[in-house]
N, C-alpha and C. Protein backbone atom coordinates (compact mmCIF):
# COMPACT_ATOMS: atom_id res chain seq x y z
N MET A 1 196.85 125.88 120.93
CA MET A 1 195.52 125.59 120.39
C MET A 1 195.25 126.39 119.12
N ILE A 2 195.51 127.73 119.19
CA ILE A 2 195.33 128.60 118.01
C ILE A 2 196.61 129.41 117.83
N SER A 3 197.23 129.29 116.67
CA SER A 3 198.49 129.98 116.41
C SER A 3 198.43 130.69 115.06
N PHE A 4 198.71 132.00 115.06
CA PHE A 4 198.83 132.80 113.83
C PHE A 4 200.29 133.20 113.70
N SER A 5 200.87 132.97 112.52
CA SER A 5 202.25 133.36 112.27
C SER A 5 202.33 134.21 111.00
N GLN A 6 202.59 135.50 111.19
CA GLN A 6 202.73 136.46 110.06
C GLN A 6 201.55 136.37 109.10
N VAL A 7 200.35 136.34 109.66
CA VAL A 7 199.14 136.17 108.84
C VAL A 7 198.71 137.48 108.19
N CYS A 8 198.54 137.44 106.90
CA CYS A 8 198.00 138.57 106.13
C CYS A 8 196.77 138.09 105.35
N LYS A 9 195.79 138.98 105.25
CA LYS A 9 194.61 138.69 104.44
C LYS A 9 194.28 139.91 103.59
N ARG A 10 194.37 139.73 102.28
CA ARG A 10 194.00 140.79 101.34
C ARG A 10 192.81 140.33 100.54
N TYR A 11 191.82 141.19 100.42
CA TYR A 11 190.64 140.86 99.62
C TYR A 11 190.86 141.26 98.17
N ALA A 12 190.00 140.75 97.29
CA ALA A 12 190.19 140.90 95.85
C ALA A 12 190.32 142.36 95.43
N GLU A 13 189.60 143.26 96.11
CA GLU A 13 189.65 144.67 95.72
C GLU A 13 190.93 145.35 96.19
N GLY A 14 191.80 144.59 96.87
CA GLY A 14 193.08 145.14 97.29
C GLY A 14 193.15 145.55 98.75
N ARG A 15 192.01 145.55 99.44
CA ARG A 15 192.00 145.94 100.85
C ARG A 15 192.70 144.89 101.70
N GLU A 16 193.62 145.34 102.54
CA GLU A 16 194.33 144.43 103.44
C GLU A 16 193.62 144.44 104.80
N ALA A 17 192.92 143.34 105.12
CA ALA A 17 192.14 143.26 106.36
C ALA A 17 193.01 142.89 107.55
N LEU A 18 194.03 142.06 107.33
CA LEU A 18 194.98 141.69 108.39
C LEU A 18 196.38 141.78 107.82
N SER A 19 197.32 142.25 108.66
CA SER A 19 198.68 142.46 108.18
C SER A 19 199.69 141.99 109.23
N GLY A 20 200.40 140.91 108.93
CA GLY A 20 201.48 140.43 109.79
C GLY A 20 201.06 140.09 111.20
N VAL A 21 199.93 139.43 111.36
CA VAL A 21 199.41 139.12 112.70
C VAL A 21 200.07 137.87 113.26
N ASN A 22 200.65 138.01 114.46
CA ASN A 22 201.22 136.89 115.21
C ASN A 22 200.50 136.79 116.55
N LEU A 23 199.99 135.61 116.87
CA LEU A 23 199.35 135.42 118.16
C LEU A 23 199.31 133.94 118.51
N GLU A 24 199.22 133.69 119.81
CA GLU A 24 199.09 132.32 120.34
C GLU A 24 197.98 132.33 121.39
N ILE A 25 197.01 131.45 121.23
CA ILE A 25 195.96 131.27 122.23
C ILE A 25 196.04 129.83 122.72
N GLY A 26 196.23 129.67 124.02
CA GLY A 26 196.44 128.34 124.58
C GLY A 26 195.15 127.56 124.76
N GLU A 27 195.30 126.27 124.97
CA GLU A 27 194.16 125.41 125.23
C GLU A 27 193.47 125.85 126.51
N ALA A 28 192.13 125.89 126.49
CA ALA A 28 191.30 126.26 127.64
C ALA A 28 191.54 127.70 128.10
N GLU A 29 191.96 128.57 127.18
CA GLU A 29 192.13 129.99 127.49
C GLU A 29 190.88 130.75 127.04
N MET A 30 190.56 131.84 127.74
CA MET A 30 189.45 132.71 127.35
C MET A 30 190.03 134.07 127.01
N VAL A 31 189.82 134.50 125.76
CA VAL A 31 190.46 135.70 125.25
C VAL A 31 189.42 136.57 124.55
N PHE A 32 189.59 137.89 124.69
CA PHE A 32 188.74 138.84 123.98
C PHE A 32 189.51 139.45 122.81
N LEU A 33 188.79 139.69 121.72
CA LEU A 33 189.34 140.32 120.52
C LEU A 33 188.64 141.66 120.35
N ALA A 34 189.40 142.74 120.49
CA ALA A 34 188.81 144.08 120.46
C ALA A 34 189.37 144.88 119.28
N GLY A 35 188.74 146.02 119.04
CA GLY A 35 189.17 146.89 117.94
C GLY A 35 187.99 147.59 117.32
N HIS A 36 188.28 148.68 116.60
CA HIS A 36 187.23 149.47 115.97
C HIS A 36 186.55 148.68 114.86
N SER A 37 185.41 149.15 114.42
CA SER A 37 184.72 148.53 113.30
C SER A 37 185.61 148.55 112.06
N GLY A 38 185.80 147.39 111.44
CA GLY A 38 186.68 147.31 110.29
C GLY A 38 188.13 147.04 110.63
N ALA A 39 188.42 146.79 111.91
CA ALA A 39 189.81 146.56 112.33
C ALA A 39 190.33 145.20 111.90
N GLY A 40 189.41 144.27 111.61
CA GLY A 40 189.84 142.94 111.18
C GLY A 40 189.37 141.81 112.08
N LYS A 41 188.52 142.12 113.06
CA LYS A 41 188.07 141.10 114.01
C LYS A 41 187.31 139.97 113.32
N SER A 42 186.32 140.32 112.52
CA SER A 42 185.51 139.30 111.85
C SER A 42 186.35 138.50 110.85
N THR A 43 187.27 139.17 110.18
CA THR A 43 188.15 138.46 109.24
C THR A 43 188.98 137.42 109.97
N LEU A 44 189.50 137.78 111.14
CA LEU A 44 190.30 136.83 111.92
C LEU A 44 189.48 135.60 112.28
N LEU A 45 188.24 135.80 112.70
CA LEU A 45 187.38 134.68 113.05
C LEU A 45 187.07 133.83 111.82
N LYS A 46 186.84 134.48 110.68
CA LYS A 46 186.54 133.74 109.44
C LYS A 46 187.73 132.89 109.00
N LEU A 47 188.94 133.36 109.25
CA LEU A 47 190.12 132.57 108.93
C LEU A 47 190.20 131.33 109.80
N ILE A 48 189.86 131.46 111.06
CA ILE A 48 189.86 130.30 111.96
C ILE A 48 188.84 129.28 111.49
N MET A 49 187.68 129.75 111.04
CA MET A 49 186.61 128.85 110.60
C MET A 49 186.81 128.35 109.18
N GLN A 50 187.83 128.89 108.49
CA GLN A 50 188.09 128.55 107.09
C GLN A 50 186.97 128.99 106.16
N ILE A 51 186.27 130.06 106.53
CA ILE A 51 185.36 130.72 105.61
C ILE A 51 186.18 131.56 104.63
N GLU A 52 187.32 132.07 105.14
CA GLU A 52 188.29 132.78 104.31
C GLU A 52 189.65 132.07 104.42
N LYS A 53 190.50 132.27 103.42
CA LYS A 53 191.85 131.70 103.41
C LYS A 53 192.87 132.82 103.57
N VAL A 54 194.00 132.51 104.17
CA VAL A 54 195.06 133.51 104.33
C VAL A 54 195.65 133.86 102.97
N SER A 55 196.11 135.10 102.84
CA SER A 55 196.85 135.49 101.65
C SER A 55 198.32 135.10 101.80
N SER A 56 198.80 135.21 103.03
CA SER A 56 200.16 134.74 103.36
C SER A 56 200.23 134.49 104.85
N GLY A 57 201.27 133.78 105.27
CA GLY A 57 201.39 133.41 106.68
C GLY A 57 200.80 132.03 106.94
N GLN A 58 200.71 131.69 108.21
CA GLN A 58 200.31 130.33 108.59
C GLN A 58 199.41 130.35 109.82
N ILE A 59 198.36 129.53 109.79
CA ILE A 59 197.48 129.33 110.95
C ILE A 59 197.50 127.85 111.31
N VAL A 60 197.75 127.58 112.59
CA VAL A 60 197.72 126.22 113.10
C VAL A 60 196.71 126.16 114.23
N ILE A 61 195.76 125.23 114.14
CA ILE A 61 194.72 125.09 115.16
C ILE A 61 194.65 123.63 115.60
N GLY A 62 194.85 123.41 116.88
CA GLY A 62 194.82 122.04 117.40
C GLY A 62 195.79 121.13 116.69
N GLY A 63 196.94 121.67 116.30
CA GLY A 63 197.95 120.89 115.62
C GLY A 63 197.75 120.77 114.11
N ARG A 64 196.66 121.30 113.58
CA ARG A 64 196.37 121.22 112.14
C ARG A 64 196.80 122.53 111.46
N ASN A 65 197.65 122.40 110.46
CA ASN A 65 198.05 123.55 109.67
C ASN A 65 196.94 123.82 108.64
N LEU A 66 196.23 124.94 108.81
CA LEU A 66 195.09 125.20 107.93
C LEU A 66 195.50 125.46 106.49
N ASN A 67 196.75 125.86 106.28
CA ASN A 67 197.23 126.06 104.90
C ASN A 67 197.23 124.74 104.12
N ARG A 68 197.32 123.63 104.84
CA ARG A 68 197.39 122.32 104.20
C ARG A 68 196.07 121.56 104.30
N LEU A 69 195.06 122.22 104.84
CA LEU A 69 193.77 121.56 105.03
C LEU A 69 193.07 121.37 103.68
N ARG A 70 192.75 120.14 103.35
CA ARG A 70 192.08 119.87 102.08
C ARG A 70 190.60 120.21 102.18
N ARG A 71 190.02 120.52 101.04
CA ARG A 71 188.63 120.97 101.00
C ARG A 71 187.69 119.95 101.68
N ARG A 72 187.94 118.69 101.46
CA ARG A 72 187.04 117.67 102.01
C ARG A 72 187.14 117.56 103.53
N HIS A 73 188.21 118.12 104.11
CA HIS A 73 188.39 118.06 105.56
C HIS A 73 187.84 119.31 106.27
N ILE A 74 187.41 120.31 105.50
CA ILE A 74 186.91 121.55 106.11
C ILE A 74 185.67 121.31 106.98
N PRO A 75 184.68 120.50 106.54
CA PRO A 75 183.53 120.25 107.41
C PRO A 75 183.92 119.66 108.77
N TYR A 76 184.87 118.73 108.78
CA TYR A 76 185.34 118.16 110.05
C TYR A 76 185.97 119.26 110.90
N HIS A 77 186.80 120.09 110.28
CA HIS A 77 187.45 121.19 111.01
C HIS A 77 186.41 122.10 111.65
N ARG A 78 185.38 122.43 110.90
CA ARG A 78 184.35 123.35 111.42
C ARG A 78 183.54 122.73 112.55
N ARG A 79 183.43 121.40 112.57
CA ARG A 79 182.71 120.75 113.67
C ARG A 79 183.48 120.84 114.98
N GLN A 80 184.76 121.20 114.91
CA GLN A 80 185.56 121.37 116.12
C GLN A 80 185.43 122.77 116.69
N ILE A 81 184.62 123.60 116.04
CA ILE A 81 184.50 125.01 116.43
C ILE A 81 183.03 125.38 116.56
N GLY A 82 182.63 125.81 117.74
CA GLY A 82 181.29 126.35 117.93
C GLY A 82 181.31 127.85 117.68
N VAL A 83 180.27 128.37 117.03
CA VAL A 83 180.24 129.79 116.67
C VAL A 83 178.94 130.42 117.15
N VAL A 84 179.07 131.57 117.83
CA VAL A 84 177.92 132.34 118.30
C VAL A 84 177.94 133.69 117.59
N PHE A 85 176.81 134.06 116.98
CA PHE A 85 176.72 135.29 116.21
C PHE A 85 175.92 136.35 116.98
N GLN A 86 176.11 137.61 116.60
CA GLN A 86 175.37 138.70 117.24
C GLN A 86 173.88 138.60 116.97
N ASN A 87 173.51 138.21 115.74
CA ASN A 87 172.10 138.21 115.37
C ASN A 87 171.47 136.82 115.46
N HIS A 88 172.14 135.92 116.20
CA HIS A 88 171.62 134.57 116.53
C HIS A 88 171.56 133.62 115.34
N GLN A 89 171.08 134.10 114.19
CA GLN A 89 170.91 133.27 112.99
C GLN A 89 170.09 132.01 113.29
N LEU A 90 168.99 132.22 114.01
CA LEU A 90 168.09 131.11 114.30
C LEU A 90 167.08 130.94 113.18
N LEU A 91 166.52 129.74 113.08
CA LEU A 91 165.50 129.45 112.08
C LEU A 91 164.13 129.54 112.75
N PHE A 92 163.33 130.50 112.33
CA PHE A 92 162.05 130.75 113.00
C PHE A 92 160.93 129.84 112.49
N ASP A 93 161.24 128.96 111.55
CA ASP A 93 160.25 127.96 111.14
C ASP A 93 160.50 126.63 111.85
N ARG A 94 161.40 126.65 112.85
CA ARG A 94 161.70 125.46 113.63
C ARG A 94 161.67 125.79 115.12
N SER A 95 161.47 124.77 115.93
CA SER A 95 161.42 124.96 117.37
C SER A 95 162.82 125.21 117.93
N VAL A 96 162.88 125.61 119.20
CA VAL A 96 164.16 125.78 119.88
C VAL A 96 164.95 124.48 119.81
N PHE A 97 164.30 123.36 120.13
CA PHE A 97 164.96 122.05 120.08
C PHE A 97 165.54 121.79 118.69
N GLU A 98 164.76 122.03 117.66
CA GLU A 98 165.20 121.75 116.29
C GLU A 98 166.37 122.64 115.88
N ASN A 99 166.38 123.89 116.34
CA ASN A 99 167.50 124.78 116.04
C ASN A 99 168.79 124.25 116.64
N VAL A 100 168.73 123.83 117.89
CA VAL A 100 169.93 123.35 118.57
C VAL A 100 170.37 121.99 118.00
N ALA A 101 169.40 121.18 117.55
CA ALA A 101 169.71 119.85 117.04
C ALA A 101 170.38 119.87 115.68
N LEU A 102 170.25 120.96 114.94
CA LEU A 102 170.69 121.00 113.55
C LEU A 102 172.13 120.55 113.33
N PRO A 103 173.13 121.06 114.10
CA PRO A 103 174.51 120.62 113.86
C PRO A 103 174.70 119.12 114.06
N LEU A 104 173.97 118.54 115.01
CA LEU A 104 174.09 117.11 115.27
C LEU A 104 173.48 116.29 114.14
N GLN A 105 172.35 116.78 113.63
CA GLN A 105 171.70 116.08 112.52
C GLN A 105 172.58 116.11 111.27
N ILE A 106 173.21 117.25 111.02
CA ILE A 106 174.11 117.37 109.87
C ILE A 106 175.29 116.41 110.02
N ALA A 107 175.76 116.26 111.28
CA ALA A 107 176.91 115.38 111.54
C ALA A 107 176.54 113.91 111.55
N GLY A 108 175.23 113.60 111.51
CA GLY A 108 174.80 112.21 111.40
C GLY A 108 174.56 111.48 112.71
N PHE A 109 174.35 112.20 113.80
CA PHE A 109 174.06 111.55 115.08
C PHE A 109 172.68 110.91 115.04
N ASP A 110 172.51 109.80 115.77
CA ASP A 110 171.19 109.17 115.81
C ASP A 110 170.26 109.97 116.71
N SER A 111 168.98 109.75 116.56
CA SER A 111 167.96 110.58 117.22
C SER A 111 168.06 110.53 118.74
N ARG A 112 168.42 109.38 119.29
CA ARG A 112 168.53 109.27 120.76
C ARG A 112 169.66 110.15 121.29
N GLU A 113 170.81 110.11 120.59
CA GLU A 113 171.94 110.94 121.02
C GLU A 113 171.66 112.41 120.78
N VAL A 114 170.96 112.73 119.70
CA VAL A 114 170.56 114.11 119.44
C VAL A 114 169.72 114.64 120.59
N LYS A 115 168.72 113.89 121.00
CA LYS A 115 167.85 114.32 122.09
C LYS A 115 168.63 114.53 123.38
N ARG A 116 169.52 113.59 123.69
CA ARG A 116 170.29 113.69 124.93
C ARG A 116 171.17 114.94 124.94
N ARG A 117 171.88 115.16 123.84
CA ARG A 117 172.79 116.30 123.78
C ARG A 117 172.06 117.63 123.73
N VAL A 118 170.97 117.69 122.97
CA VAL A 118 170.22 118.95 122.87
C VAL A 118 169.64 119.33 124.23
N GLN A 119 169.06 118.38 124.91
CA GLN A 119 168.47 118.68 126.22
C GLN A 119 169.53 119.08 127.23
N ALA A 120 170.70 118.46 127.16
CA ALA A 120 171.80 118.83 128.06
C ALA A 120 172.27 120.25 127.78
N ALA A 121 172.37 120.61 126.49
CA ALA A 121 172.81 121.96 126.13
C ALA A 121 171.79 123.01 126.55
N LEU A 122 170.50 122.72 126.32
CA LEU A 122 169.46 123.67 126.71
C LEU A 122 169.38 123.82 128.23
N ASP A 123 169.60 122.72 128.94
CA ASP A 123 169.62 122.78 130.40
C ASP A 123 170.76 123.68 130.88
N LYS A 124 171.91 123.57 130.21
CA LYS A 124 173.09 124.36 130.58
C LYS A 124 172.81 125.86 130.45
N VAL A 125 172.04 126.25 129.43
CA VAL A 125 171.76 127.68 129.22
C VAL A 125 170.42 128.10 129.83
N GLY A 126 169.80 127.19 130.58
CA GLY A 126 168.57 127.54 131.31
C GLY A 126 167.32 127.62 130.47
N LEU A 127 167.26 126.86 129.37
CA LEU A 127 166.09 126.95 128.47
C LEU A 127 165.47 125.59 128.18
N LEU A 128 165.70 124.61 129.03
CA LEU A 128 165.16 123.28 128.77
C LEU A 128 163.64 123.29 128.71
N ASP A 129 163.02 124.17 129.50
CA ASP A 129 161.56 124.22 129.51
C ASP A 129 160.98 124.95 128.30
N ARG A 130 161.85 125.47 127.43
CA ARG A 130 161.37 126.20 126.24
C ARG A 130 161.65 125.43 124.95
N GLU A 131 162.02 124.16 125.05
CA GLU A 131 162.53 123.44 123.88
C GLU A 131 161.51 123.31 122.75
N ARG A 132 160.22 123.29 123.07
CA ARG A 132 159.21 123.10 122.03
C ARG A 132 158.68 124.42 121.47
N GLN A 133 159.12 125.53 122.04
CA GLN A 133 158.63 126.82 121.58
C GLN A 133 159.37 127.28 120.32
N ASN A 134 158.72 128.18 119.60
CA ASN A 134 159.38 128.80 118.47
C ASN A 134 160.28 129.92 119.00
N PRO A 135 161.53 130.02 118.55
CA PRO A 135 162.43 131.04 119.10
C PRO A 135 161.96 132.46 118.89
N ILE A 136 161.02 132.68 117.98
CA ILE A 136 160.56 134.04 117.72
C ILE A 136 159.83 134.63 118.94
N VAL A 137 159.31 133.76 119.82
CA VAL A 137 158.59 134.25 120.99
C VAL A 137 159.53 134.52 122.16
N LEU A 138 160.81 134.21 122.02
CA LEU A 138 161.77 134.41 123.10
C LEU A 138 162.32 135.83 123.09
N SER A 139 162.83 136.26 124.22
CA SER A 139 163.49 137.56 124.30
C SER A 139 164.84 137.50 123.59
N GLY A 140 165.45 138.66 123.37
CA GLY A 140 166.75 138.70 122.71
C GLY A 140 167.80 137.90 123.47
N GLY A 141 167.81 138.03 124.79
CA GLY A 141 168.76 137.29 125.60
C GLY A 141 168.54 135.80 125.52
N GLU A 142 167.27 135.38 125.49
CA GLU A 142 166.95 133.96 125.39
C GLU A 142 167.34 133.42 124.01
N GLN A 143 167.12 134.22 122.97
CA GLN A 143 167.52 133.80 121.62
C GLN A 143 169.04 133.61 121.56
N GLN A 144 169.77 134.50 122.21
CA GLN A 144 171.22 134.35 122.22
C GLN A 144 171.63 133.09 122.97
N ARG A 145 170.91 132.73 124.02
CA ARG A 145 171.20 131.49 124.74
C ARG A 145 170.94 130.26 123.86
N VAL A 146 169.90 130.33 123.03
CA VAL A 146 169.65 129.24 122.08
C VAL A 146 170.84 129.13 121.12
N GLY A 147 171.33 130.28 120.66
CA GLY A 147 172.49 130.28 119.77
C GLY A 147 173.72 129.67 120.43
N ILE A 148 173.90 129.95 121.71
CA ILE A 148 175.03 129.38 122.45
C ILE A 148 174.86 127.87 122.60
N ALA A 149 173.63 127.44 122.93
CA ALA A 149 173.37 126.00 123.06
C ALA A 149 173.68 125.29 121.75
N ARG A 150 173.28 125.88 120.63
CA ARG A 150 173.56 125.29 119.32
C ARG A 150 175.06 125.22 119.06
N ALA A 151 175.78 126.24 119.51
CA ALA A 151 177.23 126.29 119.27
C ALA A 151 177.99 125.24 120.07
N VAL A 152 177.48 124.87 121.25
CA VAL A 152 178.23 123.95 122.11
C VAL A 152 177.66 122.53 122.09
N VAL A 153 176.55 122.30 121.40
CA VAL A 153 175.88 121.00 121.47
C VAL A 153 176.77 119.89 120.90
N ASN A 154 177.68 120.24 120.01
CA ASN A 154 178.59 119.26 119.42
C ASN A 154 179.85 119.06 120.26
N LYS A 155 179.88 119.73 121.43
CA LYS A 155 181.02 119.66 122.36
C LYS A 155 182.34 120.02 121.69
N PRO A 156 182.40 121.17 121.03
CA PRO A 156 183.63 121.57 120.33
C PRO A 156 184.70 122.02 121.33
N PRO A 157 185.97 121.82 121.02
CA PRO A 157 187.03 122.30 121.90
C PRO A 157 187.26 123.81 121.80
N ILE A 158 186.73 124.44 120.74
CA ILE A 158 186.90 125.88 120.54
C ILE A 158 185.53 126.52 120.37
N LEU A 159 185.33 127.65 121.04
CA LEU A 159 184.09 128.42 120.91
C LEU A 159 184.44 129.84 120.50
N LEU A 160 183.91 130.27 119.35
CA LEU A 160 184.10 131.64 118.86
C LEU A 160 182.79 132.40 119.01
N ALA A 161 182.89 133.68 119.33
CA ALA A 161 181.69 134.51 119.43
C ALA A 161 181.98 135.87 118.79
N ASP A 162 181.12 136.27 117.85
CA ASP A 162 181.31 137.53 117.13
C ASP A 162 180.27 138.53 117.63
N GLU A 163 180.70 139.46 118.47
CA GLU A 163 179.82 140.48 119.08
C GLU A 163 178.57 139.84 119.70
N PRO A 164 178.73 138.85 120.59
CA PRO A 164 177.56 138.11 121.09
C PRO A 164 176.63 138.92 121.98
N THR A 165 177.11 140.07 122.50
CA THR A 165 176.26 140.88 123.38
C THR A 165 175.92 142.22 122.75
N GLY A 166 176.14 142.34 121.44
CA GLY A 166 175.95 143.63 120.76
C GLY A 166 174.55 144.18 120.85
N ASN A 167 173.55 143.31 120.95
CA ASN A 167 172.16 143.77 121.00
C ASN A 167 171.52 143.63 122.38
N LEU A 168 172.35 143.39 123.41
CA LEU A 168 171.81 143.11 124.74
C LEU A 168 172.16 144.22 125.72
N ASP A 169 171.31 144.37 126.74
CA ASP A 169 171.59 145.37 127.77
C ASP A 169 172.69 144.83 128.70
N PRO A 170 173.27 145.70 129.57
CA PRO A 170 174.41 145.28 130.41
C PRO A 170 174.13 144.05 131.28
N LYS A 171 172.93 143.94 131.84
CA LYS A 171 172.62 142.80 132.71
C LYS A 171 172.64 141.50 131.91
N LEU A 172 171.98 141.50 130.75
CA LEU A 172 171.95 140.30 129.92
C LEU A 172 173.33 139.99 129.37
N SER A 173 174.08 141.03 129.05
CA SER A 173 175.45 140.83 128.55
C SER A 173 176.30 140.11 129.58
N ALA A 174 176.17 140.53 130.86
CA ALA A 174 176.93 139.88 131.93
C ALA A 174 176.53 138.42 132.09
N GLU A 175 175.23 138.13 131.93
CA GLU A 175 174.76 136.74 132.04
C GLU A 175 175.33 135.88 130.92
N ILE A 176 175.36 136.43 129.70
CA ILE A 176 175.90 135.69 128.57
C ILE A 176 177.40 135.43 128.79
N MET A 177 178.13 136.44 129.29
CA MET A 177 179.55 136.26 129.54
C MET A 177 179.80 135.21 130.62
N HIS A 178 178.91 135.15 131.60
CA HIS A 178 179.03 134.12 132.64
C HIS A 178 178.90 132.73 132.04
N LEU A 179 178.03 132.58 131.05
CA LEU A 179 177.90 131.29 130.37
C LEU A 179 179.20 130.93 129.65
N PHE A 180 179.79 131.90 128.96
CA PHE A 180 181.07 131.63 128.28
C PHE A 180 182.14 131.23 129.29
N GLU A 181 182.15 131.88 130.45
CA GLU A 181 183.11 131.53 131.49
C GLU A 181 182.91 130.09 131.96
N GLN A 182 181.65 129.68 132.09
CA GLN A 182 181.37 128.32 132.53
C GLN A 182 181.89 127.28 131.54
N PHE A 183 181.72 127.55 130.25
CA PHE A 183 182.24 126.62 129.24
C PHE A 183 183.77 126.62 129.27
N ASN A 184 184.36 127.80 129.46
CA ASN A 184 185.81 127.89 129.55
C ASN A 184 186.36 127.11 130.74
N GLU A 185 185.62 127.13 131.85
CA GLU A 185 186.07 126.44 133.06
C GLU A 185 186.13 124.93 132.90
N VAL A 186 185.38 124.39 131.93
CA VAL A 186 185.43 122.94 131.70
C VAL A 186 186.35 122.58 130.53
N GLY A 187 187.21 123.54 130.13
CA GLY A 187 188.25 123.23 129.17
C GLY A 187 188.06 123.72 127.76
N VAL A 188 187.00 124.47 127.48
CA VAL A 188 186.76 124.98 126.13
C VAL A 188 187.59 126.26 125.92
N THR A 189 188.28 126.34 124.80
CA THR A 189 188.99 127.56 124.42
C THR A 189 187.98 128.54 123.86
N VAL A 190 187.93 129.75 124.42
CA VAL A 190 186.90 130.73 124.05
C VAL A 190 187.56 132.01 123.52
N LEU A 191 187.14 132.44 122.33
CA LEU A 191 187.61 133.69 121.74
C LEU A 191 186.39 134.52 121.38
N ILE A 192 186.30 135.71 121.99
CA ILE A 192 185.12 136.57 121.83
C ILE A 192 185.52 137.90 121.22
N ALA A 193 184.97 138.21 120.04
CA ALA A 193 185.16 139.52 119.43
C ALA A 193 184.11 140.46 119.98
N SER A 194 184.54 141.60 120.49
CA SER A 194 183.60 142.54 121.09
C SER A 194 184.14 143.96 121.00
N HIS A 195 183.21 144.92 120.86
CA HIS A 195 183.59 146.33 120.91
C HIS A 195 183.16 146.96 122.24
N ASP A 196 182.64 146.13 123.16
CA ASP A 196 182.16 146.62 124.46
C ASP A 196 183.33 146.73 125.43
N HIS A 197 184.00 147.88 125.43
CA HIS A 197 185.21 148.06 126.23
C HIS A 197 184.95 147.90 127.72
N ASP A 198 183.81 148.41 128.19
CA ASP A 198 183.51 148.31 129.62
C ASP A 198 183.36 146.85 130.03
N LEU A 199 182.65 146.07 129.23
CA LEU A 199 182.46 144.66 129.54
C LEU A 199 183.79 143.91 129.53
N ILE A 200 184.63 144.22 128.55
CA ILE A 200 185.94 143.57 128.47
C ILE A 200 186.76 143.86 129.72
N ARG A 201 186.75 145.12 130.16
CA ARG A 201 187.51 145.48 131.38
C ARG A 201 186.97 144.74 132.59
N GLN A 202 185.65 144.62 132.68
CA GLN A 202 185.04 143.93 133.83
C GLN A 202 185.43 142.46 133.87
N MET A 203 185.58 141.84 132.71
CA MET A 203 185.90 140.42 132.67
C MET A 203 187.33 140.13 133.13
N GLY A 204 188.24 141.09 132.90
CA GLY A 204 189.61 140.93 133.39
C GLY A 204 190.39 139.82 132.70
N LYS A 205 190.01 139.48 131.48
CA LYS A 205 190.70 138.43 130.72
C LYS A 205 191.69 139.06 129.74
N ARG A 206 192.52 138.22 129.16
CA ARG A 206 193.47 138.67 128.15
C ARG A 206 192.73 139.29 126.96
N VAL A 207 193.30 140.35 126.41
CA VAL A 207 192.69 141.06 125.30
C VAL A 207 193.69 141.18 124.15
N LEU A 208 193.22 140.87 122.95
CA LEU A 208 193.97 141.12 121.73
C LEU A 208 193.30 142.30 121.03
N VAL A 209 194.04 143.34 120.73
CA VAL A 209 193.47 144.52 120.10
C VAL A 209 194.01 144.68 118.68
N LEU A 210 193.07 144.74 117.72
CA LEU A 210 193.42 144.98 116.33
C LEU A 210 193.17 146.44 115.97
N GLU A 211 194.06 146.99 115.17
CA GLU A 211 193.89 148.36 114.67
C GLU A 211 194.36 148.37 113.21
N ASN A 212 193.43 148.65 112.31
CA ASN A 212 193.74 148.66 110.87
C ASN A 212 194.45 147.38 110.44
N GLY A 213 193.96 146.24 110.96
CA GLY A 213 194.48 144.95 110.53
C GLY A 213 195.74 144.48 111.24
N GLN A 214 196.26 145.29 112.14
CA GLN A 214 197.48 144.92 112.85
C GLN A 214 197.19 144.68 114.34
N LEU A 215 197.88 143.73 114.93
CA LEU A 215 197.74 143.46 116.35
C LEU A 215 198.60 144.47 117.11
N VAL A 216 197.92 145.35 117.87
CA VAL A 216 198.65 146.45 118.52
C VAL A 216 198.72 146.30 120.03
N PHE A 217 197.98 145.32 120.58
CA PHE A 217 198.03 145.11 122.02
C PHE A 217 197.67 143.67 122.32
N ASP A 218 198.39 143.08 123.27
CA ASP A 218 198.12 141.71 123.72
C ASP A 218 198.43 141.64 125.20
N GLY A 219 197.39 141.58 126.02
CA GLY A 219 197.62 141.53 127.46
C GLY A 219 196.32 141.74 128.21
N LEU A 220 196.44 141.99 129.51
CA LEU A 220 195.27 142.27 130.32
C LEU A 220 194.75 143.66 130.02
N PRO A 221 193.42 143.88 130.11
CA PRO A 221 192.87 145.21 129.78
C PRO A 221 193.44 146.29 130.67
N ARG A 222 193.67 147.43 130.05
CA ARG A 222 194.23 148.55 130.76
C ARG A 222 193.09 149.39 131.35
N GLY A 223 193.08 149.55 132.63
CA GLY A 223 192.01 150.30 133.29
C GLY A 223 191.90 151.70 132.76
N GLY A 224 190.68 152.02 132.26
CA GLY A 224 190.41 153.37 131.77
C GLY A 224 190.91 153.64 130.38
N ALA A 225 191.67 152.69 129.80
CA ALA A 225 192.21 152.92 128.45
C ALA A 225 191.17 152.55 127.41
N ASP A 226 191.34 153.14 126.25
CA ASP A 226 190.43 152.84 125.15
C ASP A 226 191.05 151.74 124.30
N GLU A 227 190.60 150.48 124.54
CA GLU A 227 191.15 149.39 123.77
C GLU A 227 190.75 149.49 122.31
């Protein structure tokens, strides 16, 4: 599903964010991406989304070689990937329903299908009764659930999350992770960047650890170790 082969990313100022990264993430796998701040986690996610391009190496996602992806095909590629951010990136001048509907409207779905999909996504995250409210009145955990609903409303085969529990307490963090597990159980490939070592250990899933742009660990979390 996701394959990195000798991937390097250097920014214009000369900083090397990723160096010789090789990894394989299978279809319907749930994986955590760990590492210190600046280790390269966000860069790796941006490469998958084609926000950034590799400096060298090759990325293949769902059989598509991203090195050969033409500019006009990037929007289609991004529609295959749901993204959840730490700070939600919700629009506070729109309702919960309108926030979740946005990706579908951009993709050109008709209003009936938009309504059906949005309500199904909100029901999945337990917020169907809040669809007409402004997200600014919701709690942090509820706002993150809106962000998750927006990420999955297009039914993408891949779900990326960049520090999705960074601003949440342990109880809410566990609830959000349970939602990711539920999507993974129905076949969605899930990759979560997180610095929450305790939460990663509790989940017991495969962990990829970056250190100074290099992949230094790939396996199940080591009990008591500092990933």
